[in-house]
Amino acid sequence: MDTNDASFVPRTVGVEEEYLLVNPRNGRPLAVAESMLVAGQSTALEGAGDGGVCPYGTSLEREAKQEQIEAVSPPCTTLDEVARALITGRRIADESARSVGARAVALGTSVIPVSSRVAHVARYDAMLRQYGLTMTEQLTCGFHVHVGIQGEDEGVAVLDRIRPWLAILLALSSNSPMWMGQDSAYSSYRYQAWGRWPSAGCYEIFGSPDNYRRSIAAMVATGALLDEGMIYFDARLCNHYPTIEIRVADVCMEVDDAVAIAALIRALVETASQEWRAGIAPQPIPVSQLRLAMWSASRYSVDDQLVHPILARQCAARVAVDALLTHVKPALVHNGDYIRTENIIDRIFASGTGAHRQRRMLWQTGNARFVVMDAIERTHLAEAAVLA
């Protein structure tokens, strides 16, 4: 990578955050998404607001359950733009939620037990019939990052080469320790719950766009999936835009954490593309081993031993994260993202992820409601700082 190339333009990054919609008095999820969208009518709202590379605006979109909503950003090129897009998404989601008596909060799972409701969409009704309790209990919020690519050849080459590193992103983003009102013992129980879908999780090396498409067609042909939209790999090609979509992370409680995850993902994509162009083959790590690495990240976050992404052996979480940082450092530096990303990661190791904060609040107060109230405050803390 030529770090002196003045013509270099960083890849675009788009971010999608899913939020829980909760009662501001007791923290219990509320089925108000339909009411929010009806009240808002037009969901497209202003994004960057400066006429720059985020011209299309941030929008709110329906999710599978009425207790959640998703904010989708326009493409961005700098971390400042990503941060503004995240703050904007959280603001418009919360303003819309407030209009129907709720709040929007960045939690990967509900802290309080809830019987959630499926959104009024024929496809979701079909999923309920097909998947039963998996769909009934599905109420998780993730963080999806889209990075621009130059075509399917590059996209599949990137998918093949980022596989060993995705578990580290899950560890750094963990924000879902609770399930059905209980501490799950996991840092990201969202990932465990999401893994119940038949196509979710780790994927094999594809080798070419043709093999990628054949693999997906074969999966859909089994009848176990309703359609191609149910390909829930940890990372996949986007069908609608020239991007690769990395879907492994929990929604982050803090905006800064999400910014760092987006920076690392963009750098991973750039690094993988450079490896492909240089003729470096992907690491031939089997899915069975990747699953163990993902389980460790889901269970322990940055607290304990993780699986080293290259050596495939237990190591301290900091060692695994530093291996990722070293791997993508040239791309982070070239994008102008390294110092900011490193500082946020240092802060995560010092004070923890959203999962750590949820547990601390529960231990300190003994009251799940206070966990949700604190999470609402942290969700919108960056917005408050900007407005101040």
Protein backbone atom coordinates (compact mmCIF):
# COMPACT_ATOMS: atom_id res chain seq x y z
CA MET A 1 0.00 0.00 0.00
CA ASP A 2 1.50 3.31 -1.09
CA THR A 3 0.99 5.65 1.84
CA ASN A 4 2.36 8.56 -0.24
CA ASP A 5 -0.28 8.25 -2.97
CA ALA A 6 -1.96 11.66 -2.97
CA SER A 7 -4.76 10.36 -5.22
CA PHE A 8 -5.87 7.77 -2.64
CA VAL A 9 -9.53 8.08 -1.64
CA PRO A 10 -10.71 5.98 1.34
CA ARG A 11 -13.43 3.45 0.69
CA THR A 12 -16.94 4.53 1.53
CA VAL A 13 -18.50 3.29 4.76
CA GLY A 14 -22.19 3.03 5.51
CA VAL A 15 -23.53 2.06 8.93
CA GLU A 16 -26.79 0.48 10.05
CA GLU A 17 -27.75 0.41 13.73
CA GLU A 18 -30.70 -1.42 15.23
CA TYR A 19 -32.21 -0.03 18.44
CA LEU A 20 -34.65 -1.34 21.00
CA LEU A 21 -37.75 0.77 21.63
CA VAL A 22 -38.47 0.88 25.34
CA ASN A 23 -40.85 2.34 27.90
CA PRO A 24 -38.97 5.27 29.51
CA ARG A 25 -40.50 4.50 32.90
CA ASN A 26 -39.75 0.81 33.33
CA GLY A 27 -37.35 -0.05 30.50
CA ARG A 28 -39.61 -2.73 29.01
CA PRO A 29 -39.60 -2.96 25.18
CA LEU A 30 -42.64 -1.43 23.51
CA ALA A 31 -44.21 -2.54 20.21
CA VAL A 32 -44.38 0.94 18.69
CA ALA A 33 -42.28 0.76 15.51
CA GLU A 34 -45.35 0.75 13.24
CA SER A 35 -46.75 3.77 15.06
CA MET A 36 -43.40 5.55 14.71
CA LEU A 37 -43.26 5.00 10.97
CA VAL A 38 -46.89 6.03 10.50
CA ALA A 39 -46.36 9.16 12.59
CA GLY A 40 -43.21 10.03 10.69
CA GLN A 41 -44.58 9.16 7.22
CA SER A 42 -41.36 10.12 5.42
CA THR A 43 -38.45 8.46 7.16
CA ALA A 44 -35.66 10.16 5.19
CA LEU A 45 -34.07 12.83 7.33
CA GLU A 46 -31.02 15.00 6.92
CA GLY A 47 -27.69 13.27 7.49
CA ALA A 48 -24.36 15.09 7.46
CA GLY A 49 -26.04 18.40 6.72
CA ASP A 50 -22.94 19.91 5.15
CA GLY A 51 -23.44 19.04 1.50
CA GLY A 52 -20.44 16.69 1.60
CA VAL A 53 -20.23 13.01 0.73
CA CYS A 54 -23.28 12.10 2.84
CA PRO A 55 -25.91 13.70 0.59
CA TYR A 56 -28.72 11.18 0.85
CA GLY A 57 -29.61 11.45 4.53
CA THR A 58 -30.12 8.97 7.33
CA SER A 59 -33.38 7.02 7.32
CA LEU A 60 -35.37 4.84 9.69
CA GLU A 61 -36.43 1.41 8.52
CA ARG A 62 -38.75 -1.30 9.81
CA GLU A 63 -37.25 -4.42 11.38
CA ALA A 64 -38.73 -7.89 12.02
CA LYS A 65 -40.11 -6.93 15.43
CA GLN A 66 -42.24 -3.98 16.45
CA GLU A 67 -40.00 -3.38 19.46
CA GLN A 68 -37.06 -2.29 17.31
CA ILE A 69 -36.12 0.14 14.58
CA GLU A 70 -33.09 0.52 12.33
CA ALA A 71 -31.23 3.69 11.34
CA VAL A 72 -29.45 3.50 7.98
CA SER A 73 -26.76 6.02 7.07
CA PRO A 74 -25.62 7.32 3.69
CA PRO A 75 -22.11 6.45 2.48
CA CYS A 76 -19.36 8.28 4.36
CA THR A 77 -15.61 8.62 3.80
CA THR A 78 -14.26 9.97 7.10
CA LEU A 79 -14.71 8.83 10.69
CA ASP A 80 -16.11 12.24 11.56
CA GLU A 81 -18.85 11.64 9.00
CA VAL A 82 -19.46 8.16 10.39
CA ALA A 83 -19.77 9.61 13.89
CA ARG A 84 -22.21 12.28 12.70
CA ALA A 85 -24.25 9.66 10.87
CA LEU A 86 -24.43 7.51 14.02
CA ILE A 87 -25.41 10.47 16.18
CA THR A 88 -28.02 11.52 13.61
CA GLY A 89 -29.49 8.01 13.43
CA ARG A 90 -29.78 7.80 17.19
CA ARG A 91 -31.31 11.26 17.38
CA ILE A 92 -34.00 10.73 14.76
CA ALA A 93 -34.84 7.29 16.13
CA ASP A 94 -35.22 8.70 19.62
CA GLU A 95 -37.24 11.72 18.48
CA SER A 96 -39.58 9.44 16.56
CA ALA A 97 -39.82 7.06 19.54
CA ARG A 98 -40.59 9.93 21.91
CA SER A 99 -43.49 10.95 19.69
CA VAL A 100 -45.21 7.66 20.59
CA GLY A 101 -44.13 7.52 24.24
CA ALA A 102 -40.95 5.44 23.91
CA ARG A 103 -37.16 5.85 23.80
CA ALA A 104 -34.60 4.36 21.40
CA VAL A 105 -31.70 2.60 23.13
CA ALA A 106 -28.59 0.84 21.81
CA LEU A 107 -28.83 -2.55 23.52
CA GLY A 108 -28.07 -5.83 21.76
CA THR A 109 -30.82 -7.66 23.68
CA SER A 110 -33.52 -6.66 26.12
CA VAL A 111 -32.50 -6.47 29.77
CA ILE A 112 -36.11 -7.09 30.82
CA PRO A 113 -38.23 -10.13 29.78
CA VAL A 114 -40.52 -9.41 26.85
CA SER A 115 -42.90 -11.19 24.50
CA SER A 116 -42.15 -9.40 21.25
CA ARG A 117 -44.47 -8.87 18.29
CA VAL A 118 -43.74 -9.60 14.65
CA ALA A 119 -44.02 -6.61 12.31
CA HIS A 120 -47.03 -6.55 9.99
CA VAL A 121 -45.22 -7.78 6.88
CA ALA A 122 -46.14 -10.91 4.91
CA ARG A 123 -42.53 -12.10 4.79
CA TYR A 124 -42.17 -11.91 8.56
CA ASP A 125 -45.45 -13.79 8.99
CA ALA A 126 -44.02 -16.51 6.73
CA MET A 127 -40.86 -16.60 8.83
CA LEU A 128 -42.98 -17.04 11.96
CA ARG A 129 -44.75 -20.01 10.43
CA GLN A 130 -41.51 -21.56 9.20
CA TYR A 131 -39.24 -20.99 12.19
CA GLY A 132 -41.57 -20.95 15.18
CA LEU A 133 -39.87 -20.13 18.47
CA THR A 134 -36.73 -18.86 16.74
CA MET A 135 -38.80 -16.07 15.18
CA THR A 136 -41.01 -15.63 18.25
CA GLU A 137 -38.03 -14.98 20.52
CA GLN A 138 -35.94 -13.08 17.96
CA LEU A 139 -35.32 -9.63 19.37
CA THR A 140 -31.69 -8.69 18.89
CA CYS A 141 -29.97 -5.53 17.71
CA GLY A 142 -26.84 -5.61 15.60
CA PHE A 143 -24.45 -3.18 13.93
CA HIS A 144 -23.96 -3.69 10.19
CA VAL A 145 -21.19 -1.96 8.27
CA HIS A 146 -21.13 -1.61 4.47
CA VAL A 147 -17.79 -0.94 2.78
CA GLY A 148 -17.47 0.00 -0.89
CA ILE A 149 -15.95 -2.52 -3.30
CA GLN A 150 -15.12 -2.44 -7.00
CA GLY A 151 -17.02 -5.54 -7.99
CA GLU A 152 -17.85 -9.10 -7.01
CA ASP A 153 -14.38 -10.43 -7.76
CA GLU A 154 -12.91 -8.09 -5.17
CA GLY A 155 -15.85 -8.62 -2.83
CA VAL A 156 -15.55 -12.40 -2.70
CA ALA A 157 -11.75 -12.14 -2.37
CA VAL A 158 -12.31 -9.90 0.66
CA LEU A 159 -14.89 -12.25 2.17
CA ASP A 160 -12.40 -15.10 1.91
CA ARG A 161 -9.61 -13.17 3.62
CA ILE A 162 -11.40 -11.45 6.52
CA ARG A 163 -12.83 -14.65 8.04
CA PRO A 164 -10.19 -15.14 10.79
CA TRP A 165 -10.56 -11.58 12.07
CA LEU A 166 -14.32 -11.25 12.52
CA ALA A 167 -14.37 -12.74 16.03
CA ILE A 168 -12.26 -9.85 17.29
CA LEU A 169 -14.89 -7.38 16.09
CA LEU A 170 -17.55 -9.28 18.02
CA ALA A 171 -15.44 -9.21 21.19
CA LEU A 172 -14.90 -5.45 20.95
CA SER A 173 -18.58 -4.69 20.29
CA SER A 174 -20.19 -6.99 22.87
CA ASN A 175 -23.32 -5.38 24.31
CA SER A 176 -25.87 -8.13 24.98
CA PRO A 177 -25.21 -10.04 28.22
CA MET A 178 -28.90 -10.37 29.16
CA TRP A 179 -31.54 -12.76 27.78
CA MET A 180 -35.13 -13.13 28.99
CA GLY A 181 -34.33 -11.14 32.11
CA GLN A 182 -31.29 -13.19 33.14
CA ASP A 183 -27.55 -12.74 32.87
CA SER A 184 -26.65 -15.21 30.11
CA ALA A 185 -22.97 -15.46 31.21
CA TYR A 186 -22.13 -14.38 27.65
CA SER A 187 -20.93 -10.92 26.67
CA SER A 188 -22.75 -11.16 23.35
CA TYR A 189 -25.75 -13.42 23.74
CA ARG A 190 -27.16 -11.73 20.65
CA TYR A 191 -24.67 -13.74 18.61
CA GLN A 192 -25.80 -16.98 20.25
CA ALA A 193 -29.49 -16.21 19.69
CA TRP A 194 -28.86 -15.09 16.12
CA GLY A 195 -27.01 -18.35 15.47
CA ARG A 196 -30.32 -20.25 15.63
CA TRP A 197 -31.12 -19.14 12.08
CA PRO A 198 -30.18 -21.93 9.66
CA SER A 199 -27.76 -19.84 7.57
CA ALA A 200 -26.26 -17.63 10.28
CA GLY A 201 -22.62 -17.37 11.24
CA CYS A 202 -19.31 -18.47 9.76
CA TYR A 203 -18.85 -19.36 6.11
CA GLU A 204 -16.46 -21.34 3.93
CA ILE A 205 -13.89 -19.92 1.51
CA PHE A 206 -15.70 -19.30 -1.78
CA GLY A 207 -12.82 -18.64 -4.17
CA SER A 208 -14.85 -16.88 -6.86
CA PRO A 209 -18.13 -15.02 -7.40
CA ASP A 210 -19.49 -18.02 -9.29
CA ASN A 211 -18.85 -20.30 -6.32
CA TYR A 212 -20.36 -17.73 -3.98
CA ARG A 213 -23.55 -17.54 -6.04
CA ARG A 214 -23.71 -21.31 -6.48
CA SER A 215 -23.36 -21.79 -2.72
CA ILE A 216 -26.20 -19.39 -2.01
CA ALA A 217 -28.42 -20.91 -4.69
CA ALA A 218 -27.82 -24.39 -3.26
CA MET A 219 -28.72 -23.19 0.23
CA VAL A 220 -31.98 -21.61 -0.94
CA ALA A 221 -32.80 -24.72 -2.99
CA THR A 222 -32.91 -26.84 0.17
CA GLY A 223 -36.12 -25.09 1.19
CA ALA A 224 -34.73 -24.39 4.66
CA LEU A 225 -34.52 -20.68 3.74
CA LEU A 226 -37.39 -18.59 2.45
CA ASP A 227 -35.18 -16.69 0.04
CA GLU A 228 -31.72 -15.28 -0.58
CA GLY A 229 -32.41 -12.46 1.87
CA MET A 230 -32.03 -15.04 4.65
CA ILE A 231 -28.34 -15.59 3.92
CA TYR A 232 -27.19 -14.43 7.35
CA PHE A 233 -23.44 -14.99 7.04
CA ASP A 234 -21.23 -12.92 9.36
CA ALA A 235 -20.23 -11.08 6.18
CA ARG A 236 -21.78 -11.13 2.72
CA LEU A 237 -22.05 -9.28 -0.55
CA CYS A 238 -24.85 -6.73 -0.67
CA ASN A 239 -27.43 -7.47 -3.38
CA HIS A 240 -28.45 -3.85 -3.88
CA TYR A 241 -25.25 -1.81 -3.66
CA PRO A 242 -21.58 -2.34 -4.59
CA THR A 243 -20.59 -3.06 -1.00
CA ILE A 244 -19.55 -5.86 1.29
CA GLU A 245 -21.66 -6.02 4.45
CA ILE A 246 -20.08 -7.13 7.74
CA ARG A 247 -22.85 -8.13 10.18
CA VAL A 248 -20.98 -9.67 13.09
CA ALA A 249 -21.05 -6.85 15.66
CA ASP A 250 -23.55 -6.06 18.40
CA VAL A 251 -25.02 -2.59 18.30
CA CYS A 252 -22.62 -0.59 20.47
CA MET A 253 -23.87 1.36 23.45
CA GLU A 254 -21.38 4.17 22.81
CA VAL A 255 -20.94 5.99 19.50
CA ASP A 256 -17.14 5.93 19.81
CA ASP A 257 -17.11 2.13 20.02
CA ALA A 258 -19.16 1.92 16.82
CA VAL A 259 -16.80 4.37 15.11
CA ALA A 260 -13.82 2.15 15.97
CA ILE A 261 -15.60 -0.97 14.69
CA ALA A 262 -16.40 0.81 11.41
CA ALA A 263 -12.76 1.93 11.08
CA LEU A 264 -11.45 -1.58 11.71
CA ILE A 265 -13.89 -3.08 9.21
CA ARG A 266 -12.94 -0.63 6.47
CA ALA A 267 -9.26 -1.31 7.15
CA LEU A 268 -9.88 -5.07 7.06
CA VAL A 269 -11.56 -4.77 3.68
CA GLU A 270 -8.72 -2.66 2.30
CA THR A 271 -6.08 -5.01 3.70
CA ALA A 272 -7.81 -8.08 2.28
CA SER A 273 -8.11 -6.42 -1.12
CA GLN A 274 -4.40 -5.61 -1.11
CA GLU A 275 -3.60 -9.23 -0.20
CA TRP A 276 -5.77 -10.48 -3.07
CA ARG A 277 -4.10 -8.15 -5.56
CA ALA A 278 -0.70 -9.27 -4.31
CA GLY A 279 -1.64 -12.92 -4.83
CA ILE A 280 -1.71 -13.81 -1.13
CA ALA A 281 -4.04 -16.73 -0.55
CA PRO A 282 -6.67 -16.66 2.22
CA GLN A 283 -5.95 -18.53 5.45
CA PRO A 284 -7.48 -22.02 5.03
CA ILE A 285 -9.15 -22.03 8.45
CA PRO A 286 -12.08 -24.48 8.67
CA VAL A 287 -15.52 -23.27 9.72
CA SER A 288 -15.39 -25.54 12.77
CA GLN A 289 -12.39 -23.57 14.06
CA LEU A 290 -13.92 -20.21 13.21
CA ARG A 291 -17.01 -21.19 15.19
CA LEU A 292 -14.87 -21.83 18.26
CA ALA A 293 -13.24 -18.42 17.89
CA MET A 294 -16.66 -16.77 17.55
CA TRP A 295 -17.94 -18.64 20.61
CA SER A 296 -14.99 -17.43 22.70
CA ALA A 297 -15.52 -13.84 21.57
CA SER A 298 -19.24 -14.08 22.31
CA ARG A 299 -18.59 -15.57 25.74
CA TYR A 300 -15.67 -13.52 27.02
CA SER A 301 -15.41 -10.27 25.05
CA VAL A 302 -12.10 -8.66 26.11
CA ASP A 303 -12.12 -10.17 29.61
CA ASP A 304 -10.37 -13.46 29.10
CA GLN A 305 -8.73 -15.74 26.59
CA LEU A 306 -9.65 -15.44 22.91
CA VAL A 307 -8.57 -17.53 19.96
CA HIS A 308 -5.60 -15.99 18.15
CA PRO A 309 -6.82 -15.21 14.61
CA ILE A 310 -3.73 -16.63 12.91
CA LEU A 311 -2.14 -19.06 15.40
CA ALA A 312 -5.51 -20.63 16.32
CA ARG A 313 -4.46 -20.96 19.95
CA GLN A 314 -5.74 -19.40 23.15
CA CYS A 315 -4.22 -16.05 23.95
CA ALA A 316 -4.98 -13.02 26.07
CA ALA A 317 -7.69 -10.82 24.57
CA ARG A 318 -5.28 -7.92 24.26
CA VAL A 319 -2.89 -10.09 22.24
CA ALA A 320 -5.67 -11.05 19.83
CA VAL A 321 -6.84 -7.46 19.42
CA ASP A 322 -3.27 -6.22 18.93
CA ALA A 323 -2.83 -8.85 16.22
CA LEU A 324 -5.79 -7.30 14.41
CA LEU A 325 -4.43 -3.79 14.88
CA THR A 326 -1.03 -4.84 13.51
CA HIS A 327 -2.68 -6.59 10.57
CA VAL A 328 -4.66 -3.52 9.47
CA LYS A 329 -2.35 -0.73 10.68
CA PRO A 330 -1.14 0.31 7.20
CA ALA A 331 -4.74 0.70 6.04
CA LEU A 332 -5.78 2.52 9.23
CA VAL A 333 -2.85 4.91 8.86
CA HIS A 334 -3.57 5.46 5.18
CA ASN A 335 -7.22 6.21 5.95
CA GLY A 336 -6.19 8.63 8.71
CA ASP A 337 -7.94 6.45 11.30
CA TYR A 338 -5.17 4.80 13.30
CA ILE A 339 -4.71 7.08 16.32
CA ARG A 340 -8.44 7.54 16.89
CA THR A 341 -9.11 3.81 16.59
CA GLU A 342 -6.22 2.84 18.87
CA ASN A 343 -7.36 5.33 21.52
CA ILE A 344 -10.91 3.96 21.50
CA ILE A 345 -9.63 0.38 21.81
CA ASP A 346 -7.43 1.42 24.75
CA ARG A 347 -10.51 2.94 26.38
CA ILE A 348 -12.50 -0.26 25.80
CA PHE A 349 -9.82 -2.27 27.59
CA ALA A 350 -9.73 0.26 30.42
CA SER A 351 -13.48 0.61 31.03
CA GLY A 352 -15.13 -2.22 29.12
CA THR A 353 -17.74 -2.69 26.43
CA GLY A 354 -21.48 -2.16 26.70
CA ALA A 355 -21.78 -5.64 28.19
CA HIS A 356 -19.45 -4.65 31.02
CA ARG A 357 -21.41 -1.47 31.68
CA GLN A 358 -24.73 -3.33 31.80
CA ARG A 359 -23.37 -5.79 34.34
CA ARG A 360 -21.81 -3.07 36.47
CA MET A 361 -25.11 -1.20 36.61
CA LEU A 362 -26.99 -4.36 37.54
CA TRP A 363 -24.50 -5.20 40.29
CA GLN A 364 -24.58 -1.65 41.65
CA THR A 365 -28.35 -1.16 41.61
CA GLY A 366 -29.84 -4.64 41.59
CA ASN A 367 -32.53 -3.22 39.31
CA ALA A 368 -32.82 -3.99 35.58
CA ARG A 369 -34.74 -0.77 35.00
CA PHE A 370 -31.69 1.28 35.99
CA VAL A 371 -29.58 -0.69 33.51
CA VAL A 372 -31.89 0.41 30.71
CA MET A 373 -32.05 4.01 31.93
CA ASP A 374 -28.27 4.19 32.02
CA ALA A 375 -28.06 2.67 28.53
CA ILE A 376 -30.47 5.31 27.20
CA GLU A 377 -28.20 8.02 28.59
CA ARG A 378 -25.05 6.44 27.11
CA THR A 379 -26.77 5.89 23.75
CA HIS A 380 -27.35 9.61 23.39
CA LEU A 381 -24.30 10.91 25.25
CA ALA A 382 -22.40 11.86 22.09
CA GLU A 383 -25.44 13.77 20.81
CA ALA A 384 -25.67 15.65 24.09
CA ALA A 385 -21.99 16.56 23.86
CA VAL A 386 -22.42 17.85 20.31
CA LEU A 387 -25.47 19.93 21.25
CA ALA A 388 -23.65 21.34 24.27
